[in-house]
Amino acid sequence: MTLFQPLRGKSADRLDVIEALRLLPERLREEVEGLDEAQLRFRPGDGQWSIKEVIGHLRDFVEIDYDRLARMIAQESPLLLDYDQETLVREGNYQEADVREVLGELANFREQTVRVLTELVDANWARQGRHEETGRISIRQFVDQWAQHEAMHLEHIRALKRQAGA
């Protein structure tokens, strides 16, 4: 079974979603450019994330979902375990981390994801995994959810910037 193919034959909508995913690290860098440490660390309330923590969450998300994607390609209907995003952000200690380093890690994982998706044979976009909470999901549906999730967090970061006086 052939899992990968060159770029030819990709539908425009898949290329659009891949491009949106590819641009995430650049968009995040643009959003944090010129912000001081106080603005990056600003939390609007108890239990709410700062810009640094949102970026840390996205870094975790990109790594976990790259692993999920690889398993969906290599295995028949793998179980995709849920994860506790609050615990990961807390354990990652992103509030104290260098945001440039976190963005670099995110960019490395995202580059791998984009490469895999770009080379994925058309039919394999229908391959499925079983998410423990939401049930069956195809690679196509999974990737669409990534793009929506990331767009929501970009808006979240913009709102945090406004609240932090940036």
C-alpha atoms as a PDB file:
ATOM      1  CA  MET A   1       0.000   0.000   0.000  1.00  0.00           C
ATOM      2  CA  THR A   2       1.361   3.436  -0.948  1.00  0.00           C
ATOM      3  CA  LEU A   3       0.932   5.979   1.815  1.00  0.00           C
ATOM      4  CA  PHE A   4       2.810   8.916   0.316  1.00  0.00           C
ATOM      5  CA  GLN A   5       2.846  10.722  -2.999  1.00  0.00           C
ATOM      6  CA  PRO A   6       4.410  13.851  -4.454  1.00  0.00           C
ATOM      7  CA  LEU A   7       2.476  17.134  -4.353  1.00  0.00           C
ATOM      8  CA  ARG A   8       0.623  16.574  -7.642  1.00  0.00           C
ATOM      9  CA  GLY A   9      -3.071  15.791  -7.443  1.00  0.00           C
ATOM     10  CA  LYS A  10      -3.799  17.486  -4.132  1.00  0.00           C
ATOM     11  CA  SER A  11      -7.152  19.213  -3.897  1.00  0.00           C
ATOM     12  CA  ALA A  12      -7.064  22.939  -3.247  1.00  0.00           C
ATOM     13  CA  ASP A  13      -8.912  22.739   0.058  1.00  0.00           C
ATOM     14  CA  ARG A  14      -6.390  20.292   1.510  1.00  0.00           C
ATOM     15  CA  LEU A  15      -3.537  22.501   0.382  1.00  0.00           C
ATOM     16  CA  ASP A  16      -5.258  25.457   2.061  1.00  0.00           C
ATOM     17  CA  VAL A  17      -5.537  23.674   5.407  1.00  0.00           C
ATOM     18  CA  ILE A  18      -1.939  22.444   5.166  1.00  0.00           C
ATOM     19  CA  GLU A  19      -0.835  26.008   4.442  1.00  0.00           C
ATOM     20  CA  ALA A  20      -2.770  27.288   7.468  1.00  0.00           C
ATOM     21  CA  LEU A  21      -0.994  24.717   9.620  1.00  0.00           C
ATOM     22  CA  ARG A  22       2.388  25.568   8.083  1.00  0.00           C
ATOM     23  CA  LEU A  23       1.912  29.251   8.910  1.00  0.00           C
ATOM     24  CA  LEU A  24       1.147  28.777  12.624  1.00  0.00           C
ATOM     25  CA  PRO A  25       4.721  29.256  13.917  1.00  0.00           C
ATOM     26  CA  GLU A  26       5.166  32.400  11.795  1.00  0.00           C
ATOM     27  CA  ARG A  27       1.832  33.838  12.925  1.00  0.00           C
ATOM     28  CA  LEU A  28       2.648  33.173  16.559  1.00  0.00           C
ATOM     29  CA  ARG A  29       6.036  34.862  16.195  1.00  0.00           C
ATOM     30  CA  GLU A  30       4.331  37.888  14.628  1.00  0.00           C
ATOM     31  CA  GLU A  31       1.838  38.065  17.503  1.00  0.00           C
ATOM     32  CA  VAL A  32       4.514  38.082  20.208  1.00  0.00           C
ATOM     33  CA  GLU A  33       6.993  40.339  18.412  1.00  0.00           C
ATOM     34  CA  GLY A  34       7.655  43.438  20.471  1.00  0.00           C
ATOM     35  CA  LEU A  35       5.857  42.207  23.589  1.00  0.00           C
ATOM     36  CA  ASP A  36       7.680  42.566  26.873  1.00  0.00           C
ATOM     37  CA  GLU A  37       7.866  39.836  29.493  1.00  0.00           C
ATOM     38  CA  ALA A  38       5.044  41.361  31.566  1.00  0.00           C
ATOM     39  CA  GLN A  39       2.710  41.299  28.563  1.00  0.00           C
ATOM     40  CA  LEU A  40       3.691  37.713  27.701  1.00  0.00           C
ATOM     41  CA  ARG A  41       3.075  36.637  31.328  1.00  0.00           C
ATOM     42  CA  PHE A  42      -0.191  38.564  31.850  1.00  0.00           C
ATOM     43  CA  ARG A  43      -3.066  36.395  33.080  1.00  0.00           C
ATOM     44  CA  PRO A  44      -6.509  38.022  32.938  1.00  0.00           C
ATOM     45  CA  GLY A  45      -7.733  36.062  35.950  1.00  0.00           C
ATOM     46  CA  ASP A  46      -7.172  33.124  38.273  1.00  0.00           C
ATOM     47  CA  GLY A  47      -6.833  29.865  36.379  1.00  0.00           C
ATOM     48  CA  GLN A  48      -6.549  31.605  33.021  1.00  0.00           C
ATOM     49  CA  TRP A  49      -3.589  31.260  30.698  1.00  0.00           C
ATOM     50  CA  SER A  50      -1.069  33.884  29.680  1.00  0.00           C
ATOM     51  CA  ILE A  51       0.195  34.291  26.108  1.00  0.00           C
ATOM     52  CA  LYS A  52       3.234  32.199  27.079  1.00  0.00           C
ATOM     53  CA  GLU A  53       0.969  29.436  28.368  1.00  0.00           C
ATOM     54  CA  VAL A  54      -1.273  29.488  25.283  1.00  0.00           C
ATOM     55  CA  ILE A  55       1.838  29.092  23.122  1.00  0.00           C
ATOM     56  CA  GLY A  56       3.039  26.303  25.424  1.00  0.00           C
ATOM     57  CA  HIS A  57      -0.331  24.587  25.050  1.00  0.00           C
ATOM     58  CA  LEU A  58      -0.060  24.869  21.276  1.00  0.00           C
ATOM     59  CA  ARG A  59       3.457  23.410  21.443  1.00  0.00           C
ATOM     60  CA  ASP A  60       2.112  20.409  23.405  1.00  0.00           C
ATOM     61  CA  PHE A  61      -0.860  20.110  21.058  1.00  0.00           C
ATOM     62  CA  VAL A  62       1.347  20.104  17.938  1.00  0.00           C
ATOM     63  CA  GLU A  63       3.597  17.382  19.381  1.00  0.00           C
ATOM     64  CA  ILE A  64       0.734  15.160  20.570  1.00  0.00           C
ATOM     65  CA  ASP A  65      -1.235  15.514  17.361  1.00  0.00           C
ATOM     66  CA  TYR A  66       1.827  14.774  15.231  1.00  0.00           C
ATOM     67  CA  ASP A  67       2.114  11.486  17.131  1.00  0.00           C
ATOM     68  CA  ARG A  68      -1.606  10.834  16.637  1.00  0.00           C
ATOM     69  CA  LEU A  69      -1.279  11.521  12.906  1.00  0.00           C
ATOM     70  CA  ALA A  70       1.691   9.147  12.591  1.00  0.00           C
ATOM     71  CA  ARG A  71      -0.273   6.403  14.351  1.00  0.00           C
ATOM     72  CA  MET A  72      -3.338   6.972  12.151  1.00  0.00           C
ATOM     73  CA  ILE A  73      -1.129   6.508   9.097  1.00  0.00           C
ATOM     74  CA  ALA A  74       0.760   3.458  10.401  1.00  0.00           C
ATOM     75  CA  GLN A  75      -1.953   1.586  12.312  1.00  0.00           C
ATOM     76  CA  GLU A  76      -5.498   0.472  11.637  1.00  0.00           C
ATOM     77  CA  SER A  77      -7.881   2.669  13.637  1.00  0.00           C
ATOM     78  CA  PRO A  78      -5.560   3.404  16.595  1.00  0.00           C
ATOM     79  CA  LEU A  79      -6.907   4.607  19.913  1.00  0.00           C
ATOM     80  CA  LEU A  80      -6.185   8.335  20.322  1.00  0.00           C
ATOM     81  CA  LEU A  81      -6.001   8.999  24.036  1.00  0.00           C
ATOM     82  CA  ASP A  82      -7.212  12.279  25.451  1.00  0.00           C
ATOM     83  CA  TYR A  83      -4.783  14.397  27.460  1.00  0.00           C
ATOM     84  CA  ASP A  84      -5.080  16.897  30.274  1.00  0.00           C
ATOM     85  CA  GLN A  85      -4.022  20.200  28.736  1.00  0.00           C
ATOM     86  CA  GLU A  86      -4.019  22.003  32.090  1.00  0.00           C
ATOM     87  CA  THR A  87      -1.591  19.469  33.559  1.00  0.00           C
ATOM     88  CA  LEU A  88       0.693  19.662  30.521  1.00  0.00           C
ATOM     89  CA  VAL A  89       0.833  23.455  30.650  1.00  0.00           C
ATOM     90  CA  ARG A  90       1.541  23.369  34.378  1.00  0.00           C
ATOM     91  CA  GLU A  91       4.224  20.665  34.012  1.00  0.00           C
ATOM     92  CA  GLY A  92       5.760  22.499  31.054  1.00  0.00           C
ATOM     93  CA  ASN A  93       6.195  25.565  33.275  1.00  0.00           C
ATOM     94  CA  TYR A  94       5.677  27.739  30.196  1.00  0.00           C
ATOM     95  CA  GLN A  95       5.204  30.877  32.280  1.00  0.00           C
ATOM     96  CA  GLU A  96       8.930  30.656  33.131  1.00  0.00           C
ATOM     97  CA  ALA A  97      10.099  29.359  29.728  1.00  0.00           C
ATOM     98  CA  ASP A  98      11.743  31.374  26.981  1.00  0.00           C
ATOM     99  CA  VAL A  99       8.922  31.921  24.479  1.00  0.00           C
ATOM    100  CA  ARG A 100      11.410  31.814  21.570  1.00  0.00           C
ATOM    101  CA  GLU A 101      12.541  28.321  22.583  1.00  0.00           C
ATOM    102  CA  VAL A 102       8.950  27.104  22.920  1.00  0.00           C
ATOM    103  CA  LEU A 103       8.139  28.558  19.481  1.00  0.00           C
ATOM    104  CA  GLY A 104      11.213  26.810  18.049  1.00  0.00           C
ATOM    105  CA  GLU A 105      10.062  23.450  19.414  1.00  0.00           C
ATOM    106  CA  LEU A 106       6.559  24.049  18.071  1.00  0.00           C
ATOM    107  CA  ALA A 107       7.982  24.948  14.644  1.00  0.00           C
ATOM    108  CA  ASN A 108      10.054  21.747  14.515  1.00  0.00           C
ATOM    109  CA  PHE A 109       7.054  19.515  15.231  1.00  0.00           C
ATOM    110  CA  ARG A 110       4.890  21.480  12.815  1.00  0.00           C
ATOM    111  CA  GLU A 111       7.464  21.152  10.014  1.00  0.00           C
ATOM    112  CA  GLN A 112       7.305  17.356  10.384  1.00  0.00           C
ATOM    113  CA  THR A 113       3.507  17.407  10.324  1.00  0.00           C
ATOM    114  CA  VAL A 114       3.340  19.562   7.201  1.00  0.00           C
ATOM    115  CA  ARG A 115       5.841  17.320   5.407  1.00  0.00           C
ATOM    116  CA  VAL A 116       3.816  14.199   6.215  1.00  0.00           C
ATOM    117  CA  LEU A 117       0.483  15.773   5.225  1.00  0.00           C
ATOM    118  CA  THR A 118       1.910  17.178   1.989  1.00  0.00           C
ATOM    119  CA  GLU A 119       3.112  13.733   0.933  1.00  0.00           C
ATOM    120  CA  LEU A 120       0.057  11.771   2.086  1.00  0.00           C
ATOM    121  CA  VAL A 121      -1.733   9.880  -0.715  1.00  0.00           C
ATOM    122  CA  ASP A 122      -5.270  11.160  -1.349  1.00  0.00           C
ATOM    123  CA  ALA A 123      -7.052   8.006  -0.191  1.00  0.00           C
ATOM    124  CA  ASN A 124      -5.189   7.964   3.108  1.00  0.00           C
ATOM    125  CA  TRP A 125      -6.826  11.213   4.195  1.00  0.00           C
ATOM    126  CA  ALA A 126      -9.809   8.956   4.970  1.00  0.00           C
ATOM    127  CA  ARG A 127      -7.812   6.735   7.352  1.00  0.00           C
ATOM    128  CA  GLN A 128      -9.276   6.820  10.829  1.00  0.00           C
ATOM    129  CA  GLY A 129      -8.400   6.769  14.479  1.00  0.00           C
ATOM    130  CA  ARG A 130     -10.665   6.349  17.503  1.00  0.00           C
ATOM    131  CA  HIS A 131     -10.531   9.274  19.888  1.00  0.00           C
ATOM    132  CA  GLU A 132     -11.396   8.089  23.380  1.00  0.00           C
ATOM    133  CA  GLU A 133     -13.911  10.913  23.921  1.00  0.00           C
ATOM    134  CA  THR A 134     -15.248  11.835  20.483  1.00  0.00           C
ATOM    135  CA  GLY A 135     -15.086   8.505  18.651  1.00  0.00           C
ATOM    136  CA  ARG A 136     -13.998   7.801  15.082  1.00  0.00           C
ATOM    137  CA  ILE A 137     -12.255  10.544  13.186  1.00  0.00           C
ATOM    138  CA  SER A 138     -10.567  10.606   9.776  1.00  0.00           C
ATOM    139  CA  ILE A 139      -7.227  12.264   9.135  1.00  0.00           C
ATOM    140  CA  ARG A 140      -9.101  14.890   7.107  1.00  0.00           C
ATOM    141  CA  GLN A 141     -11.477  15.667   9.969  1.00  0.00           C
ATOM    142  CA  PHE A 142      -8.594  15.645  12.431  1.00  0.00           C
ATOM    143  CA  VAL A 143      -6.578  18.140  10.379  1.00  0.00           C
ATOM    144  CA  ASP A 144      -9.601  20.414   9.949  1.00  0.00           C
ATOM    145  CA  GLN A 145     -10.062  20.403  13.739  1.00  0.00           C
ATOM    146  CA  TRP A 146      -6.381  21.336  14.201  1.00  0.00           C
ATOM    147  CA  ALA A 147      -6.769  24.363  11.964  1.00  0.00           C
ATOM    148  CA  GLN A 148      -9.914  25.489  13.812  1.00  0.00           C
ATOM    149  CA  HIS A 149      -8.298  24.951  17.210  1.00  0.00           C
ATOM    150  CA  GLU A 150      -5.238  26.949  16.213  1.00  0.00           C
ATOM    151  CA  ALA A 151      -7.300  29.796  14.734  1.00  0.00           C
ATOM    152  CA  MET A 152      -9.237  30.002  18.006  1.00  0.00           C
ATOM    153  CA  HIS A 153      -6.005  30.247  19.993  1.00  0.00           C
ATOM    154  CA  LEU A 154      -4.595  32.924  17.674  1.00  0.00           C
ATOM    155  CA  GLU A 155      -7.702  34.986  18.475  1.00  0.00           C
ATOM    156  CA  HIS A 156      -7.215  34.159  22.157  1.00  0.00           C
ATOM    157  CA  ILE A 157      -3.649  35.530  21.991  1.00  0.00           C
ATOM    158  CA  ARG A 158      -4.871  38.710  20.260  1.00  0.00           C
ATOM    159  CA  ALA A 159      -7.451  39.214  23.024  1.00  0.00           C
ATOM    160  CA  LEU A 160      -4.780  38.670  25.694  1.00  0.00           C
ATOM    161  CA  LYS A 161      -2.562  41.245  23.991  1.00  0.00           C
ATOM    162  CA  ARG A 162      -5.360  43.806  24.145  1.00  0.00           C
ATOM    163  CA  GLN A 163      -6.031  43.017  27.793  1.00  0.00           C
ATOM    164  CA  ALA A 164      -2.311  43.287  28.602  1.00  0.00           C
ATOM    165  CA  GLY A 165      -2.196  46.742  26.980  1.00  0.00           C
ATOM    166  CA  ALA A 166      -0.162  45.724  23.952  1.00  0.00           C
END
